[in-house]
Amino acid sequence: MRHLTALAFASVAVLAISGCEERTNMRELPDRGGHAYRTGGAERPIDAGAKLPYADEKIYNVVAGDNLKTLAKKFSVTEAWLIRRNRLDTHVLEAGQTLIVPKK
């Protein structure tokens, strides 16, 4: 019986330790209501100076041919919202640039 108890304890300890390792790359981010949520860990790099997305937003990578008008229509927001939310100084987008957009 002692061996089973020790084995169960060891199994729980191993699972707890391995779970801690997985959580090291997770972050808590606020949603619009100020509540925290955890990211999944597989995160894309964000442009320097960009805000982090809220829970109801995501990171979008600009591809060749994208412009503010088409992206605003695609994500059901205004061009002004995209400019304000992403702190854009210009209306010109470049392929590979990251933007914060609403989740669909």
N, C-alpha and C. Protein backbone atom coordinates (compact mmCIF):
# COMPACT_ATOMS: atom_id res chain seq x y z
N MET A 1 0.81 -1.18 0.00
CA MET A 1 0.00 0.00 0.00
C MET A 1 0.86 1.26 0.00
N ARG A 2 1.98 1.22 0.76
CA ARG A 2 2.88 2.36 0.80
C ARG A 2 3.46 2.67 -0.57
N HIS A 3 3.75 1.59 -1.31
CA HIS A 3 4.34 1.79 -2.64
C HIS A 3 3.36 2.49 -3.56
N LEU A 4 2.08 2.15 -3.47
CA LEU A 4 1.07 2.80 -4.30
C LEU A 4 0.93 4.27 -3.92
N THR A 5 0.97 4.58 -2.64
CA THR A 5 0.87 5.96 -2.18
C THR A 5 2.08 6.76 -2.66
N ALA A 6 3.26 6.18 -2.53
CA ALA A 6 4.48 6.86 -2.98
C ALA A 6 4.47 7.05 -4.49
N LEU A 7 4.00 6.06 -5.22
CA LEU A 7 3.92 6.14 -6.68
C LEU A 7 2.92 7.23 -7.09
N ALA A 8 1.79 7.27 -6.42
CA ALA A 8 0.78 8.30 -6.72
C ALA A 8 1.33 9.69 -6.44
N PHE A 9 2.01 9.85 -5.31
CA PHE A 9 2.60 11.13 -4.96
C PHE A 9 3.65 11.55 -5.99
N ALA A 10 4.49 10.62 -6.39
CA ALA A 10 5.53 10.91 -7.37
C ALA A 10 4.91 11.31 -8.71
N SER A 11 3.85 10.63 -9.10
CA SER A 11 3.17 10.95 -10.36
C SER A 11 2.59 12.35 -10.33
N VAL A 12 1.96 12.70 -9.22
CA VAL A 12 1.39 14.04 -9.07
C VAL A 12 2.49 15.09 -9.10
N ALA A 13 3.61 14.81 -8.43
CA ALA A 13 4.72 15.76 -8.39
C ALA A 13 5.29 15.98 -9.79
N VAL A 14 5.47 14.91 -10.55
CA VAL A 14 5.99 15.03 -11.92
C VAL A 14 5.04 15.83 -12.79
N LEU A 15 3.76 15.58 -12.67
CA LEU A 15 2.78 16.33 -13.46
C LEU A 15 2.77 17.80 -13.07
N ALA A 16 2.89 18.07 -11.80
CA ALA A 16 2.89 19.47 -11.34
C ALA A 16 4.12 20.21 -11.85
N ILE A 17 5.27 19.55 -11.80
CA ILE A 17 6.50 20.18 -12.27
C ILE A 17 6.45 20.39 -13.77
N SER A 18 6.01 19.42 -14.52
CA SER A 18 5.95 19.58 -15.97
C SER A 18 4.92 20.62 -16.37
N GLY A 19 3.86 20.76 -15.61
CA GLY A 19 2.86 21.79 -15.88
C GLY A 19 3.42 23.17 -15.65
N CYS A 20 4.29 23.34 -14.67
CA CYS A 20 4.90 24.65 -14.41
C CYS A 20 5.80 25.06 -15.56
N GLU A 21 6.51 24.10 -16.12
CA GLU A 21 7.39 24.41 -17.23
C GLU A 21 6.58 24.92 -18.43
N GLU A 22 5.45 24.32 -18.68
CA GLU A 22 4.61 24.71 -19.81
C GLU A 22 4.07 26.12 -19.64
N ARG A 23 3.81 26.52 -18.42
CA ARG A 23 3.19 27.82 -18.17
C ARG A 23 4.17 28.98 -18.24
N THR A 24 5.46 28.71 -18.31
CA THR A 24 6.42 29.80 -18.26
C THR A 24 6.30 30.74 -19.45
N ASN A 25 5.83 30.28 -20.60
CA ASN A 25 5.71 31.16 -21.75
C ASN A 25 4.28 31.72 -21.91
N MET A 26 3.45 31.53 -20.90
CA MET A 26 2.09 32.07 -20.95
C MET A 26 2.09 33.44 -20.28
N ARG A 27 1.21 34.32 -20.76
CA ARG A 27 1.09 35.64 -20.17
C ARG A 27 -0.36 35.91 -19.84
N GLU A 28 -0.57 36.78 -18.88
CA GLU A 28 -1.92 37.23 -18.59
C GLU A 28 -2.12 38.56 -19.27
N LEU A 29 -3.18 38.65 -20.06
CA LEU A 29 -3.51 39.87 -20.78
C LEU A 29 -4.90 40.32 -20.38
N PRO A 30 -5.14 41.61 -20.33
CA PRO A 30 -6.48 42.08 -19.97
C PRO A 30 -7.41 42.07 -21.18
N ASP A 31 -8.69 41.81 -20.94
CA ASP A 31 -9.68 42.02 -21.99
C ASP A 31 -10.24 43.42 -21.80
N ARG A 32 -11.19 43.81 -22.63
CA ARG A 32 -11.71 45.18 -22.55
C ARG A 32 -12.37 45.49 -21.22
N GLY A 33 -12.87 44.48 -20.53
CA GLY A 33 -13.51 44.70 -19.24
C GLY A 33 -12.52 44.73 -18.08
N GLY A 34 -11.22 44.57 -18.38
CA GLY A 34 -10.21 44.61 -17.34
C GLY A 34 -9.95 43.25 -16.70
N HIS A 35 -10.59 42.19 -17.19
CA HIS A 35 -10.39 40.86 -16.65
C HIS A 35 -9.18 40.22 -17.33
N ALA A 36 -8.43 39.45 -16.58
CA ALA A 36 -7.23 38.81 -17.13
C ALA A 36 -7.59 37.48 -17.77
N TYR A 37 -6.87 37.13 -18.81
CA TYR A 37 -6.98 35.81 -19.41
C TYR A 37 -5.57 35.36 -19.77
N ARG A 38 -5.38 34.07 -19.92
CA ARG A 38 -4.06 33.54 -20.22
C ARG A 38 -3.92 33.25 -21.71
N THR A 39 -2.76 33.57 -22.24
CA THR A 39 -2.48 33.25 -23.63
C THR A 39 -2.09 31.79 -23.73
N GLY A 40 -2.10 31.26 -24.92
CA GLY A 40 -1.80 29.85 -25.12
C GLY A 40 -0.33 29.51 -25.12
N GLY A 41 0.54 30.48 -25.15
CA GLY A 41 1.97 30.19 -25.12
C GLY A 41 2.63 30.30 -26.47
N ALA A 42 1.98 29.89 -27.56
CA ALA A 42 2.55 30.00 -28.90
C ALA A 42 2.22 31.40 -29.41
N GLU A 43 3.09 32.35 -29.13
CA GLU A 43 2.80 33.74 -29.43
C GLU A 43 3.66 34.23 -30.58
N ARG A 44 3.09 35.11 -31.40
CA ARG A 44 3.84 35.73 -32.48
C ARG A 44 4.48 37.01 -31.97
N PRO A 45 5.62 37.38 -32.56
CA PRO A 45 6.23 38.64 -32.14
C PRO A 45 5.34 39.82 -32.54
N ILE A 46 5.33 40.85 -31.72
CA ILE A 46 4.54 42.04 -31.98
C ILE A 46 5.50 43.19 -32.21
N ASP A 47 5.14 44.07 -33.16
CA ASP A 47 5.98 45.23 -33.45
C ASP A 47 6.30 46.00 -32.17
N ALA A 48 7.51 46.55 -32.10
CA ALA A 48 7.91 47.33 -30.94
C ALA A 48 6.99 48.53 -30.78
N GLY A 49 6.52 48.75 -29.60
CA GLY A 49 5.64 49.89 -29.33
C GLY A 49 4.18 49.61 -29.56
N ALA A 50 3.84 48.46 -30.09
CA ALA A 50 2.44 48.13 -30.34
C ALA A 50 1.76 47.73 -29.04
N LYS A 51 0.48 47.99 -28.96
CA LYS A 51 -0.27 47.54 -27.80
C LYS A 51 -0.52 46.04 -27.93
N LEU A 52 -0.78 45.40 -26.82
CA LEU A 52 -1.12 43.98 -26.83
C LEU A 52 -2.61 43.84 -27.12
N PRO A 53 -3.00 42.77 -27.82
CA PRO A 53 -4.41 42.59 -28.12
C PRO A 53 -5.22 42.22 -26.89
N TYR A 54 -6.46 42.69 -26.85
CA TYR A 54 -7.41 42.29 -25.81
C TYR A 54 -7.92 40.89 -26.13
N ALA A 55 -8.70 40.31 -25.23
CA ALA A 55 -9.20 38.94 -25.42
C ALA A 55 -10.06 38.81 -26.67
N ASP A 56 -10.74 39.88 -27.07
CA ASP A 56 -11.60 39.81 -28.25
C ASP A 56 -10.89 40.33 -29.50
N GLU A 57 -9.56 40.38 -29.47
CA GLU A 57 -8.77 40.82 -30.60
C GLU A 57 -7.70 39.79 -30.91
N LYS A 58 -7.08 39.94 -32.07
CA LYS A 58 -6.00 39.04 -32.46
C LYS A 58 -4.97 39.80 -33.27
N ILE A 59 -3.83 39.17 -33.51
CA ILE A 59 -2.78 39.75 -34.33
C ILE A 59 -3.00 39.29 -35.77
N TYR A 60 -2.95 40.23 -36.69
CA TYR A 60 -3.10 39.94 -38.12
C TYR A 60 -1.82 40.35 -38.82
N ASN A 61 -1.27 39.45 -39.65
CA ASN A 61 -0.08 39.77 -40.45
C ASN A 61 -0.53 40.29 -41.81
N VAL A 62 -0.11 41.49 -42.12
CA VAL A 62 -0.46 42.12 -43.40
C VAL A 62 0.22 41.37 -44.54
N VAL A 63 -0.54 41.12 -45.60
CA VAL A 63 -0.01 40.47 -46.80
C VAL A 63 -0.04 41.47 -47.96
N ALA A 64 0.69 41.18 -49.00
CA ALA A 64 0.73 42.07 -50.16
C ALA A 64 -0.69 42.28 -50.69
N GLY A 65 -1.03 43.52 -50.97
CA GLY A 65 -2.36 43.84 -51.49
C GLY A 65 -3.34 44.31 -50.42
N ASP A 66 -3.02 44.12 -49.15
CA ASP A 66 -3.89 44.60 -48.08
C ASP A 66 -3.82 46.12 -48.00
N ASN A 67 -4.94 46.75 -47.70
CA ASN A 67 -4.96 48.17 -47.40
C ASN A 67 -5.98 48.41 -46.29
N LEU A 68 -5.97 49.59 -45.72
CA LEU A 68 -6.85 49.88 -44.59
C LEU A 68 -8.32 49.71 -44.94
N LYS A 69 -8.70 50.10 -46.14
CA LYS A 69 -10.11 50.03 -46.53
C LYS A 69 -10.60 48.57 -46.58
N THR A 70 -9.82 47.69 -47.20
CA THR A 70 -10.24 46.29 -47.30
C THR A 70 -10.19 45.59 -45.94
N LEU A 71 -9.18 45.91 -45.13
CA LEU A 71 -9.10 45.30 -43.80
C LEU A 71 -10.22 45.78 -42.90
N ALA A 72 -10.56 47.07 -42.99
CA ALA A 72 -11.68 47.60 -42.19
C ALA A 72 -12.97 46.88 -42.55
N LYS A 73 -13.18 46.65 -43.83
CA LYS A 73 -14.39 45.95 -44.27
C LYS A 73 -14.34 44.48 -43.83
N LYS A 74 -13.18 43.85 -43.96
CA LYS A 74 -13.03 42.44 -43.61
C LYS A 74 -13.31 42.20 -42.13
N PHE A 75 -12.88 43.12 -41.26
CA PHE A 75 -13.02 42.93 -39.82
C PHE A 75 -14.15 43.77 -39.21
N SER A 76 -14.96 44.39 -40.06
CA SER A 76 -16.15 45.16 -39.63
C SER A 76 -15.81 46.27 -38.64
N VAL A 77 -14.77 47.04 -38.96
CA VAL A 77 -14.41 48.21 -38.19
C VAL A 77 -14.15 49.36 -39.16
N THR A 78 -13.92 50.53 -38.63
CA THR A 78 -13.61 51.67 -39.49
C THR A 78 -12.10 51.77 -39.69
N GLU A 79 -11.72 52.48 -40.75
CA GLU A 79 -10.29 52.72 -40.98
C GLU A 79 -9.71 53.51 -39.81
N ALA A 80 -10.48 54.45 -39.30
CA ALA A 80 -10.02 55.26 -38.16
C ALA A 80 -9.74 54.38 -36.95
N TRP A 81 -10.57 53.37 -36.73
CA TRP A 81 -10.35 52.46 -35.60
C TRP A 81 -9.02 51.73 -35.77
N LEU A 82 -8.76 51.21 -36.97
CA LEU A 82 -7.50 50.50 -37.23
C LEU A 82 -6.30 51.42 -37.01
N ILE A 83 -6.41 52.66 -37.47
CA ILE A 83 -5.31 53.61 -37.32
C ILE A 83 -5.06 53.91 -35.85
N ARG A 84 -6.14 54.20 -35.11
CA ARG A 84 -6.02 54.52 -33.69
C ARG A 84 -5.52 53.33 -32.88
N ARG A 85 -6.12 52.17 -33.10
CA ARG A 85 -5.79 50.97 -32.31
C ARG A 85 -4.36 50.53 -32.52
N ASN A 86 -3.84 50.72 -33.73
CA ASN A 86 -2.50 50.24 -34.06
C ASN A 86 -1.46 51.36 -34.08
N ARG A 87 -1.87 52.55 -33.67
CA ARG A 87 -0.96 53.70 -33.61
C ARG A 87 -0.24 53.92 -34.93
N LEU A 88 -0.97 53.90 -36.02
CA LEU A 88 -0.37 54.05 -37.34
C LEU A 88 -0.14 55.53 -37.64
N ASP A 89 1.03 55.85 -38.20
CA ASP A 89 1.34 57.22 -38.59
C ASP A 89 0.98 57.48 -40.04
N THR A 90 0.75 56.42 -40.79
CA THR A 90 0.49 56.54 -42.21
C THR A 90 -0.62 55.57 -42.61
N HIS A 91 -1.20 55.81 -43.77
CA HIS A 91 -2.24 54.92 -44.27
C HIS A 91 -1.66 53.78 -45.10
N VAL A 92 -0.34 53.78 -45.30
CA VAL A 92 0.33 52.76 -46.11
C VAL A 92 0.70 51.58 -45.22
N LEU A 93 0.31 50.38 -45.67
CA LEU A 93 0.65 49.15 -44.95
C LEU A 93 1.72 48.40 -45.74
N GLU A 94 2.57 47.69 -45.04
CA GLU A 94 3.62 46.90 -45.68
C GLU A 94 3.42 45.43 -45.37
N ALA A 95 3.71 44.57 -46.35
CA ALA A 95 3.62 43.13 -46.15
C ALA A 95 4.53 42.73 -44.99
N GLY A 96 4.00 41.89 -44.10
CA GLY A 96 4.75 41.42 -42.93
C GLY A 96 4.48 42.25 -41.68
N GLN A 97 3.87 43.42 -41.85
CA GLN A 97 3.52 44.27 -40.71
C GLN A 97 2.42 43.58 -39.90
N THR A 98 2.45 43.74 -38.59
CA THR A 98 1.40 43.15 -37.75
C THR A 98 0.43 44.22 -37.29
N LEU A 99 -0.85 43.87 -37.30
CA LEU A 99 -1.91 44.77 -36.83
C LEU A 99 -2.76 44.05 -35.82
N ILE A 100 -3.34 44.80 -34.92
CA ILE A 100 -4.33 44.25 -33.99
C ILE A 100 -5.69 44.47 -34.61
N VAL A 101 -6.44 43.39 -34.74
CA VAL A 101 -7.78 43.44 -35.35
C VAL A 101 -8.76 42.66 -34.46
N PRO A 102 -10.05 42.92 -34.60
CA PRO A 102 -11.04 42.16 -33.83
C PRO A 102 -11.09 40.69 -34.28
N LYS A 103 -11.39 39.81 -33.34
CA LYS A 103 -11.65 38.41 -33.71
C LYS A 103 -13.00 38.36 -34.37
N LYS A 104 -13.15 37.48 -35.32
CA LYS A 104 -14.44 37.35 -36.00
C LYS A 104 -15.36 36.47 -35.21
